[in-house]
Amino acid sequence: MTAAPEDDALGQQLPSVAVTPPGPKSRAIAARIANVECPSFEARREARTAASGSDQAPIVYARGRGSNVTDVDGNRYIDLTAGFGALAFGYNDPEISSAVFAQDYALSMALGDVYAAECKAPLLEALASLYPEEGARVLLGSSGADAVTAALKTAVLATGKSGVIAFKGSYHGLSHGPLAACGLSSKFREPFVQQLNQNVQFLDYPDGELSVATASLRAALRAGDVGAVLIEPVLGRGGCIALTDGYLAAARTLCDEGGALLIADEVWTGMGRSGQVLASLVATDGLPDVICLGKALGGGWPISAMIGRGAVMDAWAAHGGSTIHTSTHAGHPAGTVAALTVLRRILRDDWASKNRQLGDRFLAALTREVGADSGTVSGCGLMIGVRVRGGAVRALAVSRKLLNDGYIVLTGGASGDVLTFTPAFNIDASLLEAAASAVGHAIRTP
């Protein structure tokens, strides 16, 4: 393994772009990948290039440290996505890496739900303790979509009803269970609709008038066939939009009246990213029956979890063990230790509060730099979106300008017109100030 250059040691460096991205090495490797990979990804890039008028060819990563990524052409970037929000403490975090490597040396694999690794017990206990009621149970998985799938299964087992209420702009993953409830884009669902749950209703995401949103949910529950209300406390891929105050409490009451489970998808928001350890627990009278976690939970390692109220989770045992939800790598030792390290660190050092404070500064800086005429800024904690005036085409062009300047940013939102920012929790504040300035300049540049 080649040692990292000295200036990469902390991973908190400003960009250094010597070759216009993507450089020749990135293009060569990307071409090799495109030649053998599923063609959907290259087709998407080609469509985005045609629509935006800016080259959407990819860079190829070579190494990462902290909040910096270096590509194969030697360009150094500030990564404002942190692996879709999964890299809670950035690339190659020493505390997570040392714990994972020690575990892998001791035991690299167990037998999941049959013969568990020793490290599984403390993780399950730590996750269950997040739920503010005694008797909570936890089901581990490998991805956020896996956790949501388990939650939807739990709803059917606990209520006997297959109906689901989801929300426009929401994203819960693309495996078949969550895909049926994906409100971000109907294009994700349409080719597979005959294989999906047909009993899903999509309501407007409740970020406006509380009484209107509550009335809509009450009407949707009236038929009595809904077993799950699935909601993100803050839309993640949908544009970093926070839920209206009071909605979870209202939804809790309506779910109880309608015999449905309230499921909080905290795959994006959880583990402190929203500025709270769990965003769905802020309203004490809006406690979900089930909470789904992923992304930042593993600090870059693939692991997810579903935490459920004890009485709800008892439905799994009612089938005598014949009904299970598991997989080969559920409870994988390395991922389990990574998650335990991340969770302990977040609680020990109060990273949720730190994220809230740093996020407030970043949001203010973006608001100042972008200006009301160029876009609108929303979000909380370290999940912030900038809706670019000019739509998806303009947002893609701006994200490309930012890449050329050394900033890695994704576009999101139901219309694709939002720049989304989910940086590592420990990113230096000076890098976010520089990023805000770069965003403002890119948006204002024709």
Protein backbone atom coordinates (compact mmCIF):
# COMPACT_ATOMS: atom_id res chain seq x y z
CA MET A 1 0.00 0.00 0.00
CA THR A 2 1.36 3.40 -0.97
CA ALA A 3 1.62 5.87 1.88
CA ALA A 4 -0.54 8.97 1.66
CA PRO A 5 1.23 12.22 0.83
CA GLU A 6 1.94 14.33 3.89
CA ASP A 7 -0.55 17.05 2.94
CA ASP A 8 -3.31 14.42 2.82
CA ALA A 9 -2.74 13.30 6.40
CA LEU A 10 -5.50 15.41 7.93
CA GLY A 11 -7.83 15.40 4.95
CA GLN A 12 -8.88 19.01 5.53
CA GLN A 13 -7.17 20.68 2.57
CA LEU A 14 -8.55 23.17 0.08
CA PRO A 15 -9.02 21.94 -3.51
CA SER A 16 -6.09 21.56 -5.89
CA VAL A 17 -7.16 21.00 -9.50
CA ALA A 18 -4.28 20.74 -11.96
CA VAL A 19 -6.08 18.82 -14.73
CA THR A 20 -9.58 19.77 -15.85
CA PRO A 21 -11.81 16.94 -14.61
CA PRO A 22 -12.22 14.34 -15.72
CA GLY A 23 -8.58 13.99 -16.66
CA PRO A 24 -7.24 11.42 -19.12
CA LYS A 25 -6.71 8.70 -16.52
CA SER A 26 -10.25 9.10 -15.20
CA ARG A 27 -11.64 8.97 -18.73
CA ALA A 28 -9.67 5.84 -19.56
CA ILE A 29 -10.79 3.94 -16.45
CA ALA A 30 -14.38 5.17 -16.79
CA ALA A 31 -14.42 3.87 -20.37
CA ARG A 32 -13.28 0.44 -19.20
CA ILE A 33 -16.05 0.42 -16.58
CA ALA A 34 -18.70 1.56 -19.05
CA ASN A 35 -17.70 -1.18 -21.46
CA VAL A 36 -18.72 -3.94 -19.02
CA GLU A 37 -21.00 -2.35 -16.42
CA CYS A 38 -24.80 -2.28 -16.62
CA PRO A 39 -25.42 0.41 -19.28
CA SER A 40 -28.01 2.33 -17.25
CA PHE A 41 -25.40 4.49 -15.53
CA GLU A 42 -23.68 5.57 -18.73
CA ALA A 43 -27.06 6.20 -20.36
CA ARG A 44 -27.96 8.49 -17.47
CA ARG A 45 -24.70 10.42 -17.87
CA GLU A 46 -25.27 10.81 -21.59
CA ALA A 47 -28.81 12.08 -21.02
CA ARG A 48 -27.62 14.57 -18.42
CA THR A 49 -24.86 15.80 -20.73
CA ALA A 50 -27.34 16.35 -23.53
CA ALA A 51 -29.81 18.14 -21.25
CA SER A 52 -27.35 20.38 -19.40
CA GLY A 53 -24.89 21.12 -22.18
CA SER A 54 -22.05 20.35 -19.78
CA ASP A 55 -19.91 17.22 -19.81
CA GLN A 56 -21.12 14.80 -17.13
CA ALA A 57 -18.33 12.25 -17.59
CA PRO A 58 -17.16 10.92 -14.22
CA ILE A 59 -13.94 11.33 -12.31
CA VAL A 60 -12.44 8.19 -10.77
CA TYR A 61 -11.37 8.21 -7.13
CA ALA A 62 -7.87 7.08 -6.14
CA ARG A 63 -7.76 7.77 -2.40
CA GLY A 64 -9.55 9.64 0.34
CA ARG A 65 -8.56 11.21 3.65
CA GLY A 66 -10.95 13.09 5.91
CA SER A 67 -13.01 15.40 3.71
CA ASN A 68 -10.64 15.20 0.74
CA VAL A 69 -10.76 12.92 -2.28
CA THR A 70 -7.94 12.65 -4.80
CA ASP A 71 -8.71 11.32 -8.26
CA VAL A 72 -6.48 9.17 -10.46
CA ASP A 73 -5.27 12.29 -12.27
CA GLY A 74 -3.99 13.83 -9.03
CA ASN A 75 -6.74 16.43 -8.51
CA ARG A 76 -7.75 16.99 -4.89
CA TYR A 77 -11.39 17.77 -4.07
CA ILE A 78 -13.45 18.68 -1.03
CA ASP A 79 -16.13 16.00 -0.85
CA LEU A 80 -19.38 17.62 0.23
CA THR A 81 -21.35 14.39 -0.19
CA ALA A 82 -19.37 12.08 2.16
CA GLY A 83 -20.33 8.94 0.28
CA PHE A 84 -24.06 9.81 0.00
CA GLY A 85 -23.90 10.81 3.67
CA ALA A 86 -22.49 7.48 4.84
CA LEU A 87 -18.98 8.64 5.79
CA ALA A 88 -19.90 10.15 9.14
CA PHE A 89 -16.28 10.97 9.95
CA GLY A 90 -14.86 11.11 6.45
CA TYR A 91 -12.47 8.84 4.64
CA ASN A 92 -10.07 6.56 6.49
CA ASP A 93 -11.07 7.73 9.94
CA PRO A 94 -8.41 6.37 12.35
CA GLU A 95 -10.81 5.36 15.14
CA ILE A 96 -13.19 3.49 12.84
CA SER A 97 -10.43 1.95 10.72
CA SER A 98 -8.44 0.64 13.68
CA ALA A 99 -11.55 -0.92 15.23
CA VAL A 100 -12.58 -2.55 11.95
CA PHE A 101 -9.12 -3.89 11.12
CA ALA A 102 -8.71 -5.33 14.62
CA GLN A 103 -12.08 -7.06 14.33
CA ASP A 104 -11.32 -8.37 10.84
CA TYR A 105 -8.02 -9.79 12.12
CA ALA A 106 -9.82 -11.52 14.99
CA LEU A 107 -12.93 -12.69 13.10
CA SER A 108 -13.85 -11.77 9.55
CA MET A 109 -17.20 -13.58 9.29
CA ALA A 110 -19.85 -15.19 11.47
CA LEU A 111 -23.15 -16.89 10.68
CA GLY A 112 -25.51 -13.96 11.07
CA ASP A 113 -28.71 -15.06 12.80
CA VAL A 114 -27.41 -18.61 13.40
CA TYR A 115 -24.07 -18.14 15.18
CA ALA A 116 -23.38 -14.48 15.86
CA ALA A 117 -20.11 -12.67 16.37
CA GLU A 118 -19.46 -11.46 19.92
CA CYS A 119 -19.62 -7.81 18.82
CA LYS A 120 -23.25 -8.14 17.78
CA ALA A 121 -24.55 -8.08 21.35
CA PRO A 122 -23.26 -4.62 22.36
CA LEU A 123 -24.40 -3.08 19.08
CA LEU A 124 -27.94 -4.43 19.43
CA GLU A 125 -28.06 -3.22 23.02
CA ALA A 126 -26.78 0.24 22.08
CA LEU A 127 -29.29 0.60 19.23
CA ALA A 128 -32.20 -0.64 21.34
CA SER A 129 -31.30 1.90 24.03
CA LEU A 130 -31.91 4.73 21.52
CA TYR A 131 -35.61 3.89 21.52
CA PRO A 132 -37.28 5.65 24.47
CA GLU A 133 -39.34 2.66 25.60
CA GLU A 134 -38.34 -0.57 27.29
CA GLY A 135 -38.36 -3.74 25.23
CA ALA A 136 -37.31 -2.38 21.84
CA ARG A 137 -35.96 -4.94 19.39
CA VAL A 138 -33.43 -4.53 16.56
CA LEU A 139 -33.05 -6.21 13.17
CA LEU A 140 -29.74 -5.69 11.36
CA GLY A 141 -29.32 -5.47 7.60
CA SER A 142 -26.79 -4.43 4.98
CA SER A 143 -28.34 -1.29 3.45
CA GLY A 144 -30.92 1.38 4.10
CA ALA A 145 -33.28 -0.23 1.60
CA ASP A 146 -32.88 -3.48 3.53
CA ALA A 147 -33.97 -1.75 6.75
CA VAL A 148 -37.01 -0.21 5.05
CA THR A 149 -37.93 -3.58 3.54
CA ALA A 150 -37.82 -5.10 7.02
CA ALA A 151 -39.99 -2.27 8.35
CA LEU A 152 -42.63 -2.79 5.66
CA LYS A 153 -42.65 -6.52 6.40
CA THR A 154 -43.03 -5.73 10.10
CA ALA A 155 -46.07 -3.59 9.34
CA VAL A 156 -47.80 -6.42 7.51
CA LEU A 157 -47.04 -8.90 10.29
CA ALA A 158 -48.16 -6.53 13.05
CA THR A 159 -51.31 -5.15 11.42
CA GLY A 160 -52.32 -7.73 8.83
CA LYS A 161 -52.69 -4.88 6.31
CA SER A 162 -50.55 -4.34 3.22
CA GLY A 163 -51.53 -0.76 2.42
CA VAL A 164 -48.81 1.91 2.65
CA ILE A 165 -48.96 5.68 2.79
CA ALA A 166 -45.79 7.34 1.49
CA PHE A 167 -44.93 10.87 0.39
CA LYS A 168 -44.05 12.69 -2.80
CA GLY A 169 -40.35 13.48 -2.98
CA SER A 170 -39.42 10.64 -0.64
CA TYR A 171 -36.72 8.09 -1.32
CA HIS A 172 -36.45 4.80 0.54
CA GLY A 173 -34.23 2.70 -1.73
CA LEU A 174 -34.78 0.78 -4.94
CA SER A 175 -35.27 -2.85 -3.91
CA HIS A 176 -38.83 -3.97 -4.56
CA GLY A 177 -40.42 -3.26 -1.17
CA PRO A 178 -39.13 0.31 -0.80
CA LEU A 179 -39.43 0.97 -4.54
CA ALA A 180 -43.21 0.69 -4.32
CA ALA A 181 -43.12 3.57 -1.82
CA CYS A 182 -40.57 5.71 -3.67
CA GLY A 183 -42.11 9.12 -4.25
CA LEU A 184 -39.02 10.82 -5.64
CA SER A 185 -39.64 9.83 -9.25
CA SER A 186 -42.32 7.69 -10.82
CA LYS A 187 -39.75 6.69 -13.46
CA PHE A 188 -38.01 4.53 -10.88
CA ARG A 189 -41.21 2.53 -10.35
CA GLU A 190 -42.94 2.41 -13.73
CA PRO A 191 -41.02 -0.43 -15.45
CA PHE A 192 -41.56 -2.71 -12.44
CA VAL A 193 -45.03 -1.67 -11.36
CA GLN A 194 -46.59 -5.11 -11.95
CA GLN A 195 -44.12 -6.61 -9.46
CA LEU A 196 -44.73 -4.01 -6.76
CA ASN A 197 -47.24 -3.46 -3.99
CA GLN A 198 -50.23 -1.84 -5.71
CA ASN A 199 -51.72 -0.55 -2.46
CA VAL A 200 -49.54 2.54 -1.97
CA GLN A 201 -50.86 6.11 -1.71
CA PHE A 202 -48.59 9.14 -2.17
CA LEU A 203 -49.42 12.29 -0.25
CA ASP A 204 -47.78 15.69 -0.53
CA TYR A 205 -44.78 15.88 1.78
CA PRO A 206 -46.00 17.75 4.90
CA ASP A 207 -43.75 20.83 4.91
CA GLY A 208 -46.57 23.38 4.80
CA GLU A 209 -49.75 24.05 6.74
CA LEU A 210 -50.14 21.42 9.49
CA SER A 211 -53.94 21.28 9.36
CA VAL A 212 -53.93 20.62 5.61
CA ALA A 213 -51.34 17.85 5.89
CA THR A 214 -53.16 16.27 8.82
CA ALA A 215 -56.49 16.29 6.99
CA SER A 216 -54.84 14.60 4.00
CA LEU A 217 -53.43 11.81 6.16
CA ARG A 218 -56.73 11.32 7.97
CA ALA A 219 -58.55 10.90 4.66
CA ALA A 220 -55.96 8.44 3.35
CA LEU A 221 -56.28 6.28 6.46
CA ARG A 222 -60.08 6.26 6.35
CA ALA A 223 -60.42 3.12 4.20
CA GLY A 224 -58.83 1.06 6.97
CA ASP A 225 -56.51 -0.97 4.75
CA VAL A 226 -53.27 0.89 5.57
CA GLY A 227 -50.70 -0.89 7.70
CA ALA A 228 -47.82 1.56 7.39
CA VAL A 229 -47.22 5.30 7.16
CA LEU A 230 -43.64 5.65 5.92
CA ILE A 231 -41.99 9.05 6.26
CA GLU A 232 -38.60 10.76 6.29
CA PRO A 233 -38.35 13.35 9.11
CA VAL A 234 -36.31 15.41 6.64
CA LEU A 235 -36.39 14.65 2.92
CA GLY A 236 -32.89 13.59 1.98
CA ARG A 237 -32.52 12.88 -1.70
CA GLY A 238 -35.77 14.79 -2.11
CA GLY A 239 -34.04 18.10 -1.42
CA CYS A 240 -33.25 18.44 2.33
CA ILE A 241 -36.72 19.68 3.33
CA ALA A 242 -37.74 19.47 6.99
CA LEU A 243 -41.08 18.17 8.21
CA THR A 244 -43.65 20.63 9.53
CA ASP A 245 -43.53 20.96 13.32
CA GLY A 246 -46.23 18.92 14.96
CA TYR A 247 -46.77 16.52 12.08
CA LEU A 248 -45.24 13.43 13.69
CA ALA A 249 -47.41 13.91 16.77
CA ALA A 250 -50.50 14.25 14.61
CA ALA A 251 -49.48 11.22 12.52
CA ARG A 252 -48.94 9.22 15.70
CA THR A 253 -52.50 9.87 16.81
CA LEU A 254 -53.97 9.13 13.38
CA CYS A 255 -51.96 5.91 13.00
CA ASP A 256 -53.23 4.70 16.38
CA GLU A 257 -56.80 5.47 15.34
CA GLY A 258 -56.36 3.79 11.96
CA GLY A 259 -54.46 0.71 13.11
CA ALA A 260 -51.31 1.53 11.14
CA LEU A 261 -47.64 1.62 12.11
CA LEU A 262 -45.73 4.89 11.94
CA ILE A 263 -42.35 4.19 10.31
CA ALA A 264 -39.57 6.79 10.34
CA ASP A 265 -36.98 6.36 7.61
CA GLU A 266 -33.90 7.85 9.25
CA VAL A 267 -31.40 6.31 6.86
CA TRP A 268 -30.27 9.85 5.89
CA THR A 269 -31.23 11.81 8.99
CA GLY A 270 -30.12 9.37 11.68
CA MET A 271 -26.91 9.23 13.70
CA GLY A 272 -26.74 12.98 14.18
CA ARG A 273 -26.80 14.18 10.59
CA SER A 274 -29.97 16.24 11.09
CA GLY A 275 -28.56 17.90 14.20
CA GLN A 276 -30.33 15.37 16.43
CA VAL A 277 -29.23 11.81 17.18
CA LEU A 278 -32.61 10.75 15.76
CA ALA A 279 -34.78 13.42 14.18
CA SER A 280 -37.98 11.46 14.76
CA LEU A 281 -37.53 11.50 18.54
CA VAL A 282 -37.59 15.29 18.90
CA ALA A 283 -41.38 15.25 19.28
CA THR A 284 -41.89 13.08 22.37
CA ASP A 285 -45.57 12.59 21.53
CA GLY A 286 -44.79 11.49 17.96
CA LEU A 287 -42.80 8.32 18.71
CA PRO A 288 -42.64 6.06 15.63
CA ASP A 289 -43.29 2.34 15.96
CA VAL A 290 -40.28 1.60 13.78
CA ILE A 291 -37.10 3.56 12.98
CA CYS A 292 -34.83 2.68 10.04
CA LEU A 293 -31.11 3.49 10.12
CA GLY A 294 -28.27 3.18 7.62
CA LYS A 295 -25.68 5.37 5.86
CA ALA A 296 -23.81 7.19 8.68
CA LEU A 297 -24.45 4.28 11.06
CA GLY A 298 -21.60 2.31 9.50
CA GLY A 299 -19.23 5.22 8.93
CA GLY A 300 -18.66 3.94 5.40
CA TRP A 301 -19.15 0.23 6.11
CA PRO A 302 -22.34 -1.40 4.80
CA ILE A 303 -24.74 -1.94 7.69
CA SER A 304 -28.28 -0.91 8.55
CA ALA A 305 -30.71 -1.42 11.37
CA MET A 306 -34.41 -1.40 12.06
CA ILE A 307 -35.41 -0.55 15.62
CA GLY A 308 -38.96 -1.46 16.59
CA ARG A 309 -41.28 -1.14 19.54
CA GLY A 310 -41.33 -4.41 21.49
CA ALA A 311 -45.04 -5.09 21.08
CA VAL A 312 -44.77 -4.53 17.34
CA MET A 313 -41.71 -6.72 16.93
CA ASP A 314 -43.43 -9.57 18.78
CA ALA A 315 -45.30 -10.19 15.53
CA TRP A 316 -42.15 -11.77 14.10
CA ALA A 317 -42.14 -14.43 16.84
CA ALA A 318 -45.81 -15.23 16.39
CA HIS A 319 -44.92 -17.33 13.34
CA GLY A 320 -42.72 -19.71 15.29
CA GLY A 321 -39.56 -18.62 13.53
CA SER A 322 -40.76 -19.61 10.08
CA THR A 323 -40.95 -15.95 9.03
CA ILE A 324 -37.55 -14.25 9.10
CA HIS A 325 -35.71 -11.43 7.40
CA THR A 326 -31.97 -12.00 7.10
CA SER A 327 -29.07 -12.25 4.66
CA THR A 328 -25.53 -13.59 4.41
CA HIS A 329 -23.87 -10.42 5.69
CA ALA A 330 -26.43 -9.33 8.29
CA GLY A 331 -24.47 -8.72 11.46
CA HIS A 332 -21.15 -8.86 9.60
CA PRO A 333 -18.43 -8.40 12.26
CA ALA A 334 -16.56 -5.54 10.55
CA GLY A 335 -19.70 -3.55 9.87
CA THR A 336 -21.01 -4.26 13.35
CA VAL A 337 -17.84 -2.93 14.98
CA ALA A 338 -17.84 0.10 12.69
CA ALA A 339 -21.43 0.91 13.68
CA LEU A 340 -20.72 0.45 17.37
CA THR A 341 -17.70 2.76 17.09
CA VAL A 342 -19.71 5.42 15.24
CA LEU A 343 -22.64 5.27 17.66
CA ARG A 344 -20.48 5.45 20.78
CA ARG A 345 -18.51 8.35 19.33
CA ILE A 346 -21.61 10.33 18.38
CA LEU A 347 -23.04 9.97 21.87
CA ARG A 348 -19.73 10.42 23.69
CA ASP A 349 -18.74 13.64 21.92
CA ASP A 350 -22.24 15.04 21.28
CA TRP A 351 -21.77 15.18 17.53
CA ALA A 352 -25.47 15.86 16.97
CA SER A 353 -25.12 19.27 18.65
CA LYS A 354 -21.88 19.97 16.82
CA ASN A 355 -23.57 19.14 13.51
CA ARG A 356 -26.46 21.45 14.35
CA GLN A 357 -24.14 24.35 15.12
CA LEU A 358 -21.87 23.80 12.12
CA GLY A 359 -24.86 23.25 9.86
CA ASP A 360 -26.42 26.52 10.98
CA ARG A 361 -23.20 28.34 10.04
CA PHE A 362 -23.03 26.61 6.65
CA LEU A 363 -26.69 27.28 5.93
CA ALA A 364 -26.22 30.97 6.77
CA ALA A 365 -23.11 31.18 4.58
CA LEU A 366 -24.91 29.54 1.65
CA THR A 367 -27.90 31.84 2.06
CA ARG A 368 -25.61 34.85 2.01
CA GLU A 369 -23.54 33.70 -0.96
CA VAL A 370 -26.34 32.32 -3.12
CA GLY A 371 -28.76 35.22 -2.72
CA ALA A 372 -32.51 35.11 -3.04
CA ASP A 373 -32.42 35.80 -6.77
CA SER A 374 -30.33 32.70 -7.53
CA GLY A 375 -31.79 30.04 -5.27
CA THR A 376 -33.29 29.05 -1.94
CA VAL A 377 -31.53 27.24 0.90
CA SER A 378 -33.15 24.69 3.23
CA GLY A 379 -32.27 21.87 5.57
CA CYS A 380 -30.95 21.28 9.06
CA GLY A 381 -27.78 19.96 10.63
CA LEU A 382 -25.39 18.73 7.98
CA MET A 383 -27.99 17.97 5.34
CA ILE A 384 -28.61 21.13 3.37
CA GLY A 385 -30.06 21.79 -0.05
CA VAL A 386 -29.83 24.74 -2.43
CA ARG A 387 -32.69 24.89 -4.93
CA VAL A 388 -31.19 26.43 -8.07
CA ARG A 389 -33.31 28.77 -10.13
CA GLY A 390 -33.36 27.46 -13.68
CA GLY A 391 -34.30 23.88 -12.89
CA ALA A 392 -32.48 20.56 -13.18
CA VAL A 393 -30.50 21.57 -16.26
CA ARG A 394 -29.07 24.57 -14.46
CA ALA A 395 -28.37 22.56 -11.29
CA LEU A 396 -26.39 19.98 -13.27
CA ALA A 397 -24.37 22.73 -14.93
CA VAL A 398 -23.64 24.34 -11.56
CA SER A 399 -22.60 21.03 -10.00
CA ARG A 400 -20.17 20.55 -12.89
CA LYS A 401 -18.68 24.00 -12.40
CA LEU A 402 -18.17 23.13 -8.76
CA LEU A 403 -16.42 19.88 -9.72
CA ASN A 404 -14.08 21.83 -11.98
CA ASP A 405 -13.34 24.08 -8.99
CA GLY A 406 -12.63 21.06 -6.77
CA TYR A 407 -15.95 20.52 -4.94
CA ILE A 408 -17.92 17.27 -5.15
CA VAL A 409 -21.67 17.97 -4.95
CA LEU A 410 -24.75 15.96 -5.93
CA THR A 411 -28.04 17.13 -7.35
CA GLY A 412 -31.35 16.02 -5.85
CA GLY A 413 -34.90 17.09 -5.32
CA ALA A 414 -38.00 15.70 -6.99
CA SER A 415 -37.28 17.93 -9.99
CA GLY A 416 -33.51 17.46 -9.87
CA ASP A 417 -32.95 21.16 -9.24
CA VAL A 418 -31.38 21.00 -5.76
CA LEU A 419 -27.69 20.89 -4.87
CA THR A 420 -27.45 18.61 -1.84
CA PHE A 421 -24.75 18.82 0.81
CA THR A 422 -24.07 16.03 3.31
CA PRO A 423 -20.42 16.52 4.33
CA ALA A 424 -18.53 14.57 6.97
CA PHE A 425 -19.37 15.58 10.53
CA ASN A 426 -15.78 16.59 11.28
CA ILE A 427 -15.21 18.71 8.18
CA ASP A 428 -13.32 21.89 9.02
CA ALA A 429 -15.52 24.99 9.14
CA SER A 430 -13.10 26.83 6.86
CA LEU A 431 -13.76 24.30 4.09
CA LEU A 432 -17.50 24.92 4.33
CA GLU A 433 -16.93 28.68 4.15
CA ALA A 434 -14.84 28.17 1.02
CA ALA A 435 -17.50 25.85 -0.40
CA ALA A 436 -20.28 28.39 0.21
CA SER A 437 -18.29 31.02 -1.67
CA ALA A 438 -17.67 28.60 -4.54
CA VAL A 439 -21.37 27.69 -4.72
CA GLY A 440 -22.37 31.33 -4.88
CA HIS A 441 -19.86 32.04 -7.64
CA ALA A 442 -20.89 28.96 -9.65
CA ILE A 443 -24.58 29.81 -9.46
CA ARG A 444 -24.04 33.44 -10.47
CA THR A 445 -21.74 32.55 -13.38
CA PRO A 446 -23.66 32.18 -16.67
